[in-house]
Amino acid sequence: MELLVGLLVVVKMTALLLGGVVSLMAYRAYSRTRIAGLQYFAVGLTIITLGTFLVGVFHHIGGASVTIGMLLESVILSIGFVVMIVGLYET
């Protein structure tokens, strides 16, 4: 079981790093072009990346149940996607 938890930590940290890189790239693209959709994309992806990471922390350190963790993660994903969709309609 400890091997799986260690693997989960590595995967979550990798996802956090990669999501952060993509968010930063989107924000830099927004800074250069001033296309509002890119700003919304960066914000939405940041919400999804940080939210997913924090749900994992909340579950493993805070002791939240799997069902609560899945519910919270789904809510965070939905919020991030809504921000991205708003950005697509704004441009």
PDB file of N, CA and C in Angstrom:
ATOM      1  N   MET A   1       0.824  -1.200   0.000  1.00  0.00           N
ATOM      2  CA  MET A   1       0.000   0.000   0.000  1.00  0.00           C
ATOM      3  C   MET A   1       0.865   1.259   0.000  1.00  0.00           C
ATOM      4  N   GLU A   2       1.980   1.232   0.721  1.00  0.00           N
ATOM      5  CA  GLU A   2       2.843   2.405   0.771  1.00  0.00           C
ATOM      6  C   GLU A   2       3.444   2.714  -0.589  1.00  0.00           C
ATOM      7  N   LEU A   3       3.689   1.685  -1.398  1.00  0.00           N
ATOM      8  CA  LEU A   3       4.196   1.887  -2.749  1.00  0.00           C
ATOM      9  C   LEU A   3       3.183   2.660  -3.588  1.00  0.00           C
ATOM     10  N   LEU A   4       1.911   2.305  -3.451  1.00  0.00           N
ATOM     11  CA  LEU A   4       0.864   3.003  -4.199  1.00  0.00           C
ATOM     12  C   LEU A   4       0.741   4.461  -3.767  1.00  0.00           C
ATOM     13  N   VAL A   5       0.855   4.713  -2.480  1.00  0.00           N
ATOM     14  CA  VAL A   5       0.781   6.089  -1.983  1.00  0.00           C
ATOM     15  C   VAL A   5       1.975   6.885  -2.503  1.00  0.00           C
ATOM     16  N   GLY A   6       3.141   6.287  -2.495  1.00  0.00           N
ATOM     17  CA  GLY A   6       4.329   6.957  -3.030  1.00  0.00           C
ATOM     18  C   GLY A   6       4.179   7.260  -4.516  1.00  0.00           C
ATOM     19  N   LEU A   7       3.655   6.290  -5.254  1.00  0.00           N
ATOM     20  CA  LEU A   7       3.416   6.487  -6.679  1.00  0.00           C
ATOM     21  C   LEU A   7       2.394   7.597  -6.908  1.00  0.00           C
ATOM     22  N   LEU A   8       1.355   7.630  -6.089  1.00  0.00           N
ATOM     23  CA  LEU A   8       0.345   8.679  -6.195  1.00  0.00           C
ATOM     24  C   LEU A   8       0.953  10.053  -5.946  1.00  0.00           C
ATOM     25  N   VAL A   9       1.828  10.151  -4.967  1.00  0.00           N
ATOM     26  CA  VAL A   9       2.489  11.429  -4.676  1.00  0.00           C
ATOM     27  C   VAL A   9       3.323  11.875  -5.876  1.00  0.00           C
ATOM     28  N   VAL A  10       4.059  10.953  -6.467  1.00  0.00           N
ATOM     29  CA  VAL A  10       4.887  11.292  -7.630  1.00  0.00           C
ATOM     30  C   VAL A  10       4.014  11.752  -8.794  1.00  0.00           C
ATOM     31  N   VAL A  11       2.916  11.031  -9.046  1.00  0.00           N
ATOM     32  CA  VAL A  11       2.033  11.389 -10.149  1.00  0.00           C
ATOM     33  C   VAL A  11       1.352  12.738  -9.893  1.00  0.00           C
ATOM     34  N   LYS A  12       0.895  12.974  -8.674  1.00  0.00           N
ATOM     35  CA  LYS A  12       0.249  14.256  -8.350  1.00  0.00           C
ATOM     36  C   LYS A  12       1.234  15.418  -8.485  1.00  0.00           C
ATOM     37  N   MET A  13       2.472  15.222  -8.029  1.00  0.00           N
ATOM     38  CA  MET A  13       3.478  16.273  -8.140  1.00  0.00           C
ATOM     39  C   MET A  13       3.815  16.542  -9.612  1.00  0.00           C
ATOM     40  N   THR A  14       3.884  15.481 -10.407  1.00  0.00           N
ATOM     41  CA  THR A  14       4.144  15.639 -11.840  1.00  0.00           C
ATOM     42  C   THR A  14       3.005  16.406 -12.508  1.00  0.00           C
ATOM     43  N   ALA A  15       1.775  16.049 -12.173  1.00  0.00           N
ATOM     44  CA  ALA A  15       0.615  16.750 -12.734  1.00  0.00           C
ATOM     45  C   ALA A  15       0.612  18.217 -12.309  1.00  0.00           C
ATOM     46  N   LEU A  16       0.979  18.477 -11.066  1.00  0.00           N
ATOM     47  CA  LEU A  16       1.048  19.861 -10.574  1.00  0.00           C
ATOM     48  C   LEU A  16       2.099  20.643 -11.355  1.00  0.00           C
ATOM     49  N   LEU A  17       3.251  20.044 -11.565  1.00  0.00           N
ATOM     50  CA  LEU A  17       4.322  20.709 -12.301  1.00  0.00           C
ATOM     51  C   LEU A  17       3.918  20.962 -13.757  1.00  0.00           C
ATOM     52  N   LEU A  18       3.405  19.939 -14.421  1.00  0.00           N
ATOM     53  CA  LEU A  18       3.020  20.088 -15.820  1.00  0.00           C
ATOM     54  C   LEU A  18       1.861  21.069 -15.992  1.00  0.00           C
ATOM     55  N   GLY A  19       0.869  20.992 -15.120  1.00  0.00           N
ATOM     56  CA  GLY A  19      -0.245  21.941 -15.169  1.00  0.00           C
ATOM     57  C   GLY A  19       0.224  23.367 -14.936  1.00  0.00           C
ATOM     58  N   GLY A  20       1.177  23.522 -14.017  1.00  0.00           N
ATOM     59  CA  GLY A  20       1.739  24.843 -13.755  1.00  0.00           C
ATOM     60  C   GLY A  20       2.484  25.397 -14.959  1.00  0.00           C
ATOM     61  N   VAL A  21       3.229  24.521 -15.635  1.00  0.00           N
ATOM     62  CA  VAL A  21       3.962  24.952 -16.830  1.00  0.00           C
ATOM     63  C   VAL A  21       2.996  25.388 -17.928  1.00  0.00           C
ATOM     64  N   VAL A  22       1.960  24.598 -18.184  1.00  0.00           N
ATOM     65  CA  VAL A  22       0.987  24.949 -19.226  1.00  0.00           C
ATOM     66  C   VAL A  22       0.248  26.238 -18.852  1.00  0.00           C
ATOM     67  N   SER A  23      -0.110  26.391 -17.584  1.00  0.00           N
ATOM     68  CA  SER A  23      -0.780  27.621 -17.134  1.00  0.00           C
ATOM     69  C   SER A  23       0.121  28.830 -17.341  1.00  0.00           C
ATOM     70  N   LEU A  24       1.383  28.685 -16.994  1.00  0.00           N
ATOM     71  CA  LEU A  24       2.335  29.775 -17.165  1.00  0.00           C
ATOM     72  C   LEU A  24       2.525  30.115 -18.648  1.00  0.00           C
ATOM     73  N   MET A  25       2.604  29.095 -19.482  1.00  0.00           N
ATOM     74  CA  MET A  25       2.738  29.330 -20.919  1.00  0.00           C
ATOM     75  C   MET A  25       1.515  30.059 -21.474  1.00  0.00           C
ATOM     76  N   ALA A  26       0.334  29.666 -21.021  1.00  0.00           N
ATOM     77  CA  ALA A  26      -0.889  30.337 -21.477  1.00  0.00           C
ATOM     78  C   ALA A  26      -0.908  31.788 -21.009  1.00  0.00           C
ATOM     79  N   TYR A  27      -0.480  32.032 -19.782  1.00  0.00           N
ATOM     80  CA  TYR A  27      -0.462  33.404 -19.284  1.00  0.00           C
ATOM     81  C   TYR A  27       0.555  34.253 -20.045  1.00  0.00           C
ATOM     82  N   ARG A  28       1.720  33.675 -20.335  1.00  0.00           N
ATOM     83  CA  ARG A  28       2.718  34.409 -21.112  1.00  0.00           C
ATOM     84  C   ARG A  28       2.201  34.717 -22.519  1.00  0.00           C
ATOM     85  N   ALA A  29       1.492  33.762 -23.102  1.00  0.00           N
ATOM     86  CA  ALA A  29       0.902  34.001 -24.423  1.00  0.00           C
ATOM     87  C   ALA A  29      -0.128  35.126 -24.342  1.00  0.00           C
ATOM     88  N   TYR A  30      -0.912  35.135 -23.265  1.00  0.00           N
ATOM     89  CA  TYR A  30      -1.876  36.221 -23.063  1.00  0.00           C
ATOM     90  C   TYR A  30      -1.147  37.562 -22.931  1.00  0.00           C
ATOM     91  N   SER A  31      -0.058  37.577 -22.177  1.00  0.00           N
ATOM     92  CA  SER A  31       0.691  38.823 -21.978  1.00  0.00           C
ATOM     93  C   SER A  31       1.224  39.384 -23.290  1.00  0.00           C
ATOM     94  N   ARG A  32       1.632  38.498 -24.193  1.00  0.00           N
ATOM     95  CA  ARG A  32       2.149  38.943 -25.482  1.00  0.00           C
ATOM     96  C   ARG A  32       1.045  39.381 -26.443  1.00  0.00           C
ATOM     97  N   THR A  33      -0.065  38.655 -26.443  1.00  0.00           N
ATOM     98  CA  THR A  33      -1.099  38.883 -27.458  1.00  0.00           C
ATOM     99  C   THR A  33      -2.300  39.672 -26.956  1.00  0.00           C
ATOM    100  N   ARG A  34      -2.520  39.656 -25.643  1.00  0.00           N
ATOM    101  CA  ARG A  34      -3.692  40.285 -25.020  1.00  0.00           C
ATOM    102  C   ARG A  34      -5.005  39.677 -25.510  1.00  0.00           C
ATOM    103  N   ILE A  35      -4.972  38.402 -25.884  1.00  0.00           N
ATOM    104  CA  ILE A  35      -6.189  37.681 -26.245  1.00  0.00           C
ATOM    105  C   ILE A  35      -6.827  37.196 -24.944  1.00  0.00           C
ATOM    106  N   ALA A  36      -8.005  37.712 -24.639  1.00  0.00           N
ATOM    107  CA  ALA A  36      -8.642  37.435 -23.347  1.00  0.00           C
ATOM    108  C   ALA A  36      -8.866  35.948 -23.117  1.00  0.00           C
ATOM    109  N   GLY A  37      -9.149  35.201 -24.169  1.00  0.00           N
ATOM    110  CA  GLY A  37      -9.391  33.772 -24.018  1.00  0.00           C
ATOM    111  C   GLY A  37      -8.213  33.041 -23.409  1.00  0.00           C
ATOM    112  N   LEU A  38      -7.000  33.497 -23.716  1.00  0.00           N
ATOM    113  CA  LEU A  38      -5.813  32.865 -23.145  1.00  0.00           C
ATOM    114  C   LEU A  38      -5.707  33.135 -21.641  1.00  0.00           C
ATOM    115  N   GLN A  39      -6.142  34.301 -21.232  1.00  0.00           N
ATOM    116  CA  GLN A  39      -6.126  34.612 -19.801  1.00  0.00           C
ATOM    117  C   GLN A  39      -7.112  33.714 -19.059  1.00  0.00           C
ATOM    118  N   TYR A  40      -8.304  33.558 -19.613  1.00  0.00           N
ATOM    119  CA  TYR A  40      -9.287  32.669 -18.999  1.00  0.00           C
ATOM    120  C   TYR A  40      -8.793  31.224 -18.990  1.00  0.00           C
ATOM    121  N   PHE A  41      -8.142  30.818 -20.085  1.00  0.00           N
ATOM    122  CA  PHE A  41      -7.590  29.467 -20.165  1.00  0.00           C
ATOM    123  C   PHE A  41      -6.562  29.257 -19.065  1.00  0.00           C
ATOM    124  N   ALA A  42      -5.677  30.229 -18.870  1.00  0.00           N
ATOM    125  CA  ALA A  42      -4.649  30.120 -17.830  1.00  0.00           C
ATOM    126  C   ALA A  42      -5.275  30.029 -16.439  1.00  0.00           C
ATOM    127  N   VAL A  43      -6.273  30.850 -16.188  1.00  0.00           N
ATOM    128  CA  VAL A  43      -6.934  30.844 -14.877  1.00  0.00           C
ATOM    129  C   VAL A  43      -7.681  29.521 -14.658  1.00  0.00           C
ATOM    130  N   GLY A  44      -8.427  29.080 -15.674  1.00  0.00           N
ATOM    131  CA  GLY A  44      -9.169  27.828 -15.548  1.00  0.00           C
ATOM    132  C   GLY A  44      -8.257  26.639 -15.316  1.00  0.00           C
ATOM    133  N   LEU A  45      -7.158  26.604 -16.061  1.00  0.00           N
ATOM    134  CA  LEU A  45      -6.217  25.498 -15.896  1.00  0.00           C
ATOM    135  C   LEU A  45      -5.525  25.551 -14.534  1.00  0.00           C
ATOM    136  N   THR A  46      -5.262  26.743 -14.046  1.00  0.00           N
ATOM    137  CA  THR A  46      -4.670  26.878 -12.711  1.00  0.00           C
ATOM    138  C   THR A  46      -5.639  26.371 -11.646  1.00  0.00           C
ATOM    139  N   ILE A  47      -6.899  26.705 -11.785  1.00  0.00           N
ATOM    140  CA  ILE A  47      -7.918  26.214 -10.841  1.00  0.00           C
ATOM    141  C   ILE A  47      -7.949  24.690 -10.854  1.00  0.00           C
ATOM    142  N   ILE A  48      -7.969  24.104 -12.034  1.00  0.00           N
ATOM    143  CA  ILE A  48      -8.020  22.647 -12.159  1.00  0.00           C
ATOM    144  C   ILE A  48      -6.764  22.015 -11.574  1.00  0.00           C
ATOM    145  N   THR A  49      -5.601  22.562 -11.911  1.00  0.00           N
ATOM    146  CA  THR A  49      -4.330  21.987 -11.454  1.00  0.00           C
ATOM    147  C   THR A  49      -4.196  22.067  -9.941  1.00  0.00           C
ATOM    148  N   LEU A  50      -4.361  23.255  -9.396  1.00  0.00           N
ATOM    149  CA  LEU A  50      -4.224  23.408  -7.945  1.00  0.00           C
ATOM    150  C   LEU A  50      -5.330  22.680  -7.187  1.00  0.00           C
ATOM    151  N   GLY A  51      -6.535  22.744  -7.716  1.00  0.00           N
ATOM    152  CA  GLY A  51      -7.661  22.084  -7.055  1.00  0.00           C
ATOM    153  C   GLY A  51      -7.480  20.584  -6.966  1.00  0.00           C
ATOM    154  N   THR A  52      -7.053  19.977  -8.062  1.00  0.00           N
ATOM    155  CA  THR A  52      -6.840  18.534  -8.063  1.00  0.00           C
ATOM    156  C   THR A  52      -5.737  18.150  -7.083  1.00  0.00           C
ATOM    157  N   PHE A  53      -4.670  18.938  -7.067  1.00  0.00           N
ATOM    158  CA  PHE A  53      -3.578  18.677  -6.130  1.00  0.00           C
ATOM    159  C   PHE A  53      -4.052  18.814  -4.685  1.00  0.00           C
ATOM    160  N   LEU A  54      -4.780  19.889  -4.405  1.00  0.00           N
ATOM    161  CA  LEU A  54      -5.230  20.131  -3.032  1.00  0.00           C
ATOM    162  C   LEU A  54      -6.250  19.093  -2.556  1.00  0.00           C
ATOM    163  N   VAL A  55      -7.053  18.566  -3.474  1.00  0.00           N
ATOM    164  CA  VAL A  55      -7.987  17.507  -3.095  1.00  0.00           C
ATOM    165  C   VAL A  55      -7.208  16.271  -2.646  1.00  0.00           C
ATOM    166  N   GLY A  56      -6.112  15.958  -3.344  1.00  0.00           N
ATOM    167  CA  GLY A  56      -5.269  14.838  -2.929  1.00  0.00           C
ATOM    168  C   GLY A  56      -4.680  15.060  -1.549  1.00  0.00           C
ATOM    169  N   VAL A  57      -4.224  16.273  -1.298  1.00  0.00           N
ATOM    170  CA  VAL A  57      -3.682  16.607   0.029  1.00  0.00           C
ATOM    171  C   VAL A  57      -4.786  16.509   1.077  1.00  0.00           C
ATOM    172  N   PHE A  58      -5.943  17.062   0.758  1.00  0.00           N
ATOM    173  CA  PHE A  58      -7.078  17.038   1.677  1.00  0.00           C
ATOM    174  C   PHE A  58      -7.477  15.602   2.025  1.00  0.00           C
ATOM    175  N   HIS A  59      -7.419  14.726   1.017  1.00  0.00           N
ATOM    176  CA  HIS A  59      -7.798  13.332   1.240  1.00  0.00           C
ATOM    177  C   HIS A  59      -6.764  12.598   2.090  1.00  0.00           C
ATOM    178  N   HIS A  60      -5.488  12.738   1.759  1.00  0.00           N
ATOM    179  CA  HIS A  60      -4.458  11.961   2.444  1.00  0.00           C
ATOM    180  C   HIS A  60      -4.035  12.548   3.779  1.00  0.00           C
ATOM    181  N   ILE A  61      -4.000  13.853   3.896  1.00  0.00           N
ATOM    182  CA  ILE A  61      -3.588  14.472   5.154  1.00  0.00           C
ATOM    183  C   ILE A  61      -4.796  14.791   6.024  1.00  0.00           C
ATOM    184  N   GLY A  62      -5.842  15.290   5.396  1.00  0.00           N
ATOM    185  CA  GLY A  62      -7.038  15.666   6.150  1.00  0.00           C
ATOM    186  C   GLY A  62      -7.939  14.502   6.495  1.00  0.00           C
ATOM    187  N   GLY A  63      -7.744  13.362   5.814  1.00  0.00           N
ATOM    188  CA  GLY A  63      -8.533  12.180   6.119  1.00  0.00           C
ATOM    189  C   GLY A  63      -9.933  12.171   5.530  1.00  0.00           C
ATOM    190  N   ALA A  64     -10.151  12.962   4.485  1.00  0.00           N
ATOM    191  CA  ALA A  64     -11.471  12.973   3.852  1.00  0.00           C
ATOM    192  C   ALA A  64     -11.725  11.643   3.146  1.00  0.00           C
ATOM    193  N   SER A  65     -12.966  11.255   3.070  1.00  0.00           N
ATOM    194  CA  SER A  65     -13.309   9.997   2.411  1.00  0.00           C
ATOM    195  C   SER A  65     -13.095  10.102   0.907  1.00  0.00           C
ATOM    196  N   VAL A  66     -13.028   8.960   0.265  1.00  0.00           N
ATOM    197  CA  VAL A  66     -12.843   8.929  -1.182  1.00  0.00           C
ATOM    198  C   VAL A  66     -14.014   9.605  -1.881  1.00  0.00           C
ATOM    199  N   THR A  67     -15.215   9.370  -1.402  1.00  0.00           N
ATOM    200  CA  THR A  67     -16.407   9.955  -2.023  1.00  0.00           C
ATOM    201  C   THR A  67     -16.385  11.476  -1.928  1.00  0.00           C
ATOM    202  N   ILE A  68     -16.041  12.006  -0.773  1.00  0.00           N
ATOM    203  CA  ILE A  68     -15.945  13.460  -0.603  1.00  0.00           C
ATOM    204  C   ILE A  68     -14.852  14.019  -1.506  1.00  0.00           C
ATOM    205  N   GLY A  69     -13.711  13.327  -1.576  1.00  0.00           N
ATOM    206  CA  GLY A  69     -12.615  13.763  -2.438  1.00  0.00           C
ATOM    207  C   GLY A  69     -13.016  13.798  -3.899  1.00  0.00           C
ATOM    208  N   MET A  70     -13.719  12.759  -4.348  1.00  0.00           N
ATOM    209  CA  MET A  70     -14.168  12.711  -5.737  1.00  0.00           C
ATOM    210  C   MET A  70     -15.184  13.806  -6.021  1.00  0.00           C
ATOM    211  N   LEU A  71     -16.076  14.042  -5.079  1.00  0.00           N
ATOM    212  CA  LEU A  71     -17.072  15.102  -5.245  1.00  0.00           C
ATOM    213  C   LEU A  71     -16.396  16.470  -5.339  1.00  0.00           C
ATOM    214  N   LEU A  72     -15.483  16.724  -4.431  1.00  0.00           N
ATOM    215  CA  LEU A  72     -14.777  18.002  -4.412  1.00  0.00           C
ATOM    216  C   LEU A  72     -13.951  18.186  -5.684  1.00  0.00           C
ATOM    217  N   GLU A  73     -13.288  17.136  -6.119  1.00  0.00           N
ATOM    218  CA  GLU A  73     -12.496  17.210  -7.343  1.00  0.00           C
ATOM    219  C   GLU A  73     -13.381  17.499  -8.562  1.00  0.00           C
ATOM    220  N   SER A  74     -14.533  16.881  -8.615  1.00  0.00           N
ATOM    221  CA  SER A  74     -15.455  17.115  -9.728  1.00  0.00           C
ATOM    222  C   SER A  74     -15.977  18.544  -9.726  1.00  0.00           C
ATOM    223  N   VAL A  75     -16.248  19.093  -8.556  1.00  0.00           N
ATOM    224  CA  VAL A  75     -16.701  20.486  -8.460  1.00  0.00           C
ATOM    225  C   VAL A  75     -15.602  21.430  -8.944  1.00  0.00           C
ATOM    226  N   ILE A  76     -14.366  21.169  -8.522  1.00  0.00           N
ATOM    227  CA  ILE A  76     -13.246  22.017  -8.927  1.00  0.00           C
ATOM    228  C   ILE A  76     -13.012  21.925 -10.431  1.00  0.00           C
ATOM    229  N   LEU A  77     -13.066  20.722 -10.978  1.00  0.00           N
ATOM    230  CA  LEU A  77     -12.925  20.554 -12.426  1.00  0.00           C
ATOM    231  C   LEU A  77     -14.008  21.331 -13.172  1.00  0.00           C
ATOM    232  N   SER A  78     -15.230  21.235 -12.685  1.00  0.00           N
ATOM    233  CA  SER A  78     -16.343  21.930 -13.327  1.00  0.00           C
ATOM    234  C   SER A  78     -16.140  23.439 -13.303  1.00  0.00           C
ATOM    235  N   ILE A  79     -15.689  23.968 -12.190  1.00  0.00           N
ATOM    236  CA  ILE A  79     -15.438  25.412 -12.087  1.00  0.00           C
ATOM    237  C   ILE A  79     -14.353  25.828 -13.077  1.00  0.00           C
ATOM    238  N   GLY A  80     -13.270  25.060 -13.130  1.00  0.00           N
ATOM    239  CA  GLY A  80     -12.194  25.369 -14.064  1.00  0.00           C
ATOM    240  C   GLY A  80     -12.662  25.345 -15.504  1.00  0.00           C
ATOM    241  N   PHE A  81     -13.469  24.346 -15.862  1.00  0.00           N
ATOM    242  CA  PHE A  81     -13.980  24.265 -17.224  1.00  0.00           C
ATOM    243  C   PHE A  81     -14.944  25.401 -17.540  1.00  0.00           C
ATOM    244  N   VAL A  82     -15.746  25.803 -16.563  1.00  0.00           N
ATOM    245  CA  VAL A  82     -16.656  26.941 -16.777  1.00  0.00           C
ATOM    246  C   VAL A  82     -15.854  28.208 -17.062  1.00  0.00           C
ATOM    247  N   VAL A  83     -14.778  28.419 -16.325  1.00  0.00           N
ATOM    248  CA  VAL A  83     -13.933  29.591 -16.584  1.00  0.00           C
ATOM    249  C   VAL A  83     -13.376  29.545 -18.001  1.00  0.00           C
ATOM    250  N   MET A  84     -12.935  28.370 -18.433  1.00  0.00           N
ATOM    251  CA  MET A  84     -12.416  28.230 -19.797  1.00  0.00           C
ATOM    252  C   MET A  84     -13.495  28.485 -20.844  1.00  0.00           C
ATOM    253  N   ILE A  85     -14.689  27.968 -20.602  1.00  0.00           N
ATOM    254  CA  ILE A  85     -15.798  28.163 -21.548  1.00  0.00           C
ATOM    255  C   ILE A  85     -16.176  29.636 -21.640  1.00  0.00           C
ATOM    256  N   VAL A  86     -16.217  30.315 -20.504  1.00  0.00           N
ATOM    257  CA  VAL A  86     -16.505  31.756 -20.510  1.00  0.00           C
ATOM    258  C   VAL A  86     -15.457  32.472 -21.356  1.00  0.00           C
ATOM    259  N   GLY A  87     -14.204  32.083 -21.207  1.00  0.00           N
ATOM    260  CA  GLY A  87     -13.139  32.692 -22.007  1.00  0.00           C
ATOM    261  C   GLY A  87     -13.333  32.477 -23.497  1.00  0.00           C
ATOM    262  N   LEU A  88     -13.810  31.323 -23.871  1.00  0.00           N
ATOM    263  CA  LEU A  88     -14.045  31.051 -25.288  1.00  0.00           C
ATOM    264  C   LEU A  88     -15.190  31.907 -25.833  1.00  0.00           C
ATOM    265  N   TYR A  89     -16.199  32.146 -25.023  1.00  0.00           N
ATOM    266  CA  TYR A  89     -17.319  32.966 -25.469  1.00  0.00           C
ATOM    267  C   TYR A  89     -17.014  34.453 -25.410  1.00  0.00           C
ATOM    268  N   GLU A  90     -16.070  34.838 -24.593  1.00  0.00           N
ATOM    269  CA  GLU A  90     -15.707  36.258 -24.482  1.00  0.00           C
ATOM    270  C   GLU A  90     -14.929  36.739 -25.695  1.00  0.00           C
ATOM    271  N   THR A  91     -14.212  35.821 -26.336  1.00  0.00           N
ATOM    272  CA  THR A  91     -13.354  36.245 -27.456  1.00  0.00           C
ATOM    273  C   THR A  91     -14.051  36.074 -28.788  1.00  0.00           C
TER     274      THR A  91
END
